[in-house]
Amino acid sequence: MRDYLKEPHRAIGDGVPVEGYFLWSFIDNYEWMGRYQLRFGVFYNDYEPQERTPKVSAKGFIRIIAANRIV
């Protein structure tokens, strides 16, 4: 995720007016072709009890937001 965030940071340094950044998905999305085997997002979804658990990437993104810089 840090590598992806470096590009908007570089663009800002080049004078591009970047107004925001969105992760592809804040929660795992369904991959219909993968029959739910592939999981994306920064939260793990446990389908049965409908619980979401932050992945390591979510915790990293929280640190980046809190610091307002790539950490």
C-alpha atoms as a PDB file:
ATOM      1  CA  MET A   1       0.000   0.000   0.000  1.00  0.00           C
ATOM      2  CA  ARG A   2       2.872   2.361   0.735  1.00  0.00           C
ATOM      3  CA  ASP A   3       4.112   1.924  -2.834  1.00  0.00           C
ATOM      4  CA  TYR A   4       0.705   2.922  -4.205  1.00  0.00           C
ATOM      5  CA  LEU A   5       0.560   5.969  -1.951  1.00  0.00           C
ATOM      6  CA  LYS A   6       3.989   7.124  -3.092  1.00  0.00           C
ATOM      7  CA  GLU A   7       2.609   7.978  -6.546  1.00  0.00           C
ATOM      8  CA  PRO A   8       0.003  10.528  -5.413  1.00  0.00           C
ATOM      9  CA  HIS A   9       2.685  11.929  -3.097  1.00  0.00           C
ATOM     10  CA  ARG A  10       5.045  12.284  -6.056  1.00  0.00           C
ATOM     11  CA  ALA A  11       2.272  13.864  -8.139  1.00  0.00           C
ATOM     12  CA  ILE A  12       1.607  16.445  -5.418  1.00  0.00           C
ATOM     13  CA  GLY A  13       5.312  17.257  -5.383  1.00  0.00           C
ATOM     14  CA  ASP A  14       5.081  17.763  -9.158  1.00  0.00           C
ATOM     15  CA  GLY A  15       2.250  20.262  -8.690  1.00  0.00           C
ATOM     16  CA  VAL A  16      -0.730  18.025  -9.488  1.00  0.00           C
ATOM     17  CA  PRO A  17      -3.767  19.137  -7.447  1.00  0.00           C
ATOM     18  CA  VAL A  18      -4.553  15.790  -5.778  1.00  0.00           C
ATOM     19  CA  GLU A  19      -7.689  16.293  -3.686  1.00  0.00           C
ATOM     20  CA  GLY A  20      -8.128  12.805  -2.276  1.00  0.00           C
ATOM     21  CA  TYR A  21      -7.252   9.148  -2.441  1.00  0.00           C
ATOM     22  CA  PHE A  22      -9.513   6.134  -2.134  1.00  0.00           C
ATOM     23  CA  LEU A  23      -8.415   2.622  -1.425  1.00  0.00           C
ATOM     24  CA  TRP A  24      -9.901   0.197  -3.904  1.00  0.00           C
ATOM     25  CA  SER A  25     -12.153  -1.217  -1.218  1.00  0.00           C
ATOM     26  CA  PHE A  26     -12.533  -0.620   2.494  1.00  0.00           C
ATOM     27  CA  ILE A  27     -14.102  -4.045   2.843  1.00  0.00           C
ATOM     28  CA  ASP A  28     -13.611  -7.280   0.980  1.00  0.00           C
ATOM     29  CA  ASN A  29     -15.668  -7.396  -2.150  1.00  0.00           C
ATOM     30  CA  TYR A  30     -17.168 -10.453  -3.721  1.00  0.00           C
ATOM     31  CA  GLU A  31     -15.181 -11.910  -6.568  1.00  0.00           C
ATOM     32  CA  TRP A  32     -17.879 -13.705  -8.473  1.00  0.00           C
ATOM     33  CA  MET A  33     -15.474 -15.427 -10.820  1.00  0.00           C
ATOM     34  CA  GLY A  34     -13.336 -16.641  -7.915  1.00  0.00           C
ATOM     35  CA  ARG A  35     -16.331 -18.110  -6.061  1.00  0.00           C
ATOM     36  CA  TYR A  36     -15.467 -16.081  -2.967  1.00  0.00           C
ATOM     37  CA  GLN A  37     -11.968 -17.578  -2.748  1.00  0.00           C
ATOM     38  CA  LEU A  38     -10.155 -14.332  -3.555  1.00  0.00           C
ATOM     39  CA  ARG A  39     -10.354 -11.675  -0.880  1.00  0.00           C
ATOM     40  CA  PHE A  40      -9.572  -8.022  -1.318  1.00  0.00           C
ATOM     41  CA  GLY A  41      -9.855  -4.940   0.845  1.00  0.00           C
ATOM     42  CA  VAL A  42      -8.386  -3.908   4.143  1.00  0.00           C
ATOM     43  CA  PHE A  43     -10.919  -5.709   6.324  1.00  0.00           C
ATOM     44  CA  TYR A  44     -11.519  -9.438   6.580  1.00  0.00           C
ATOM     45  CA  ASN A  45     -15.211 -10.327   6.463  1.00  0.00           C
ATOM     46  CA  ASP A  46     -16.354 -13.424   8.306  1.00  0.00           C
ATOM     47  CA  TYR A  47     -19.546 -14.165   6.408  1.00  0.00           C
ATOM     48  CA  GLU A  48     -21.305 -16.367   8.948  1.00  0.00           C
ATOM     49  CA  PRO A  49     -21.374 -14.057  12.000  1.00  0.00           C
ATOM     50  CA  GLN A  50     -21.116 -10.961   9.744  1.00  0.00           C
ATOM     51  CA  GLU A  51     -18.017  -9.666  11.547  1.00  0.00           C
ATOM     52  CA  ARG A  52     -15.284  -7.487  10.075  1.00  0.00           C
ATOM     53  CA  THR A  53     -11.707  -7.641  11.296  1.00  0.00           C
ATOM     54  CA  PRO A  54      -9.054  -5.105  10.248  1.00  0.00           C
ATOM     55  CA  LYS A  55      -6.175  -6.610   8.288  1.00  0.00           C
ATOM     56  CA  VAL A  56      -2.569  -5.456   8.707  1.00  0.00           C
ATOM     57  CA  SER A  57      -3.108  -3.139   5.729  1.00  0.00           C
ATOM     58  CA  ALA A  58      -6.008  -1.406   7.531  1.00  0.00           C
ATOM     59  CA  LYS A  59      -3.846  -0.749  10.551  1.00  0.00           C
ATOM     60  CA  GLY A  60      -1.108   0.622   8.291  1.00  0.00           C
ATOM     61  CA  PHE A  61      -3.557   2.899   6.501  1.00  0.00           C
ATOM     62  CA  ILE A  62      -4.818   4.181   9.866  1.00  0.00           C
ATOM     63  CA  ARG A  63      -1.225   5.058  10.839  1.00  0.00           C
ATOM     64  CA  ILE A  64      -0.722   6.873   7.531  1.00  0.00           C
ATOM     65  CA  ILE A  65      -3.916   8.888   7.997  1.00  0.00           C
ATOM     66  CA  ALA A  66      -3.067   9.738  11.618  1.00  0.00           C
ATOM     67  CA  ALA A  67       0.453  10.878  10.708  1.00  0.00           C
ATOM     68  CA  ASN A  68      -0.698  12.597   7.493  1.00  0.00           C
ATOM     69  CA  ARG A  69       2.352  11.140   5.768  1.00  0.00           C
ATOM     70  CA  ILE A  70       3.578   7.836   4.393  1.00  0.00           C
ATOM     71  CA  VAL A  71       5.009   5.918   7.357  1.00  0.00           C
END
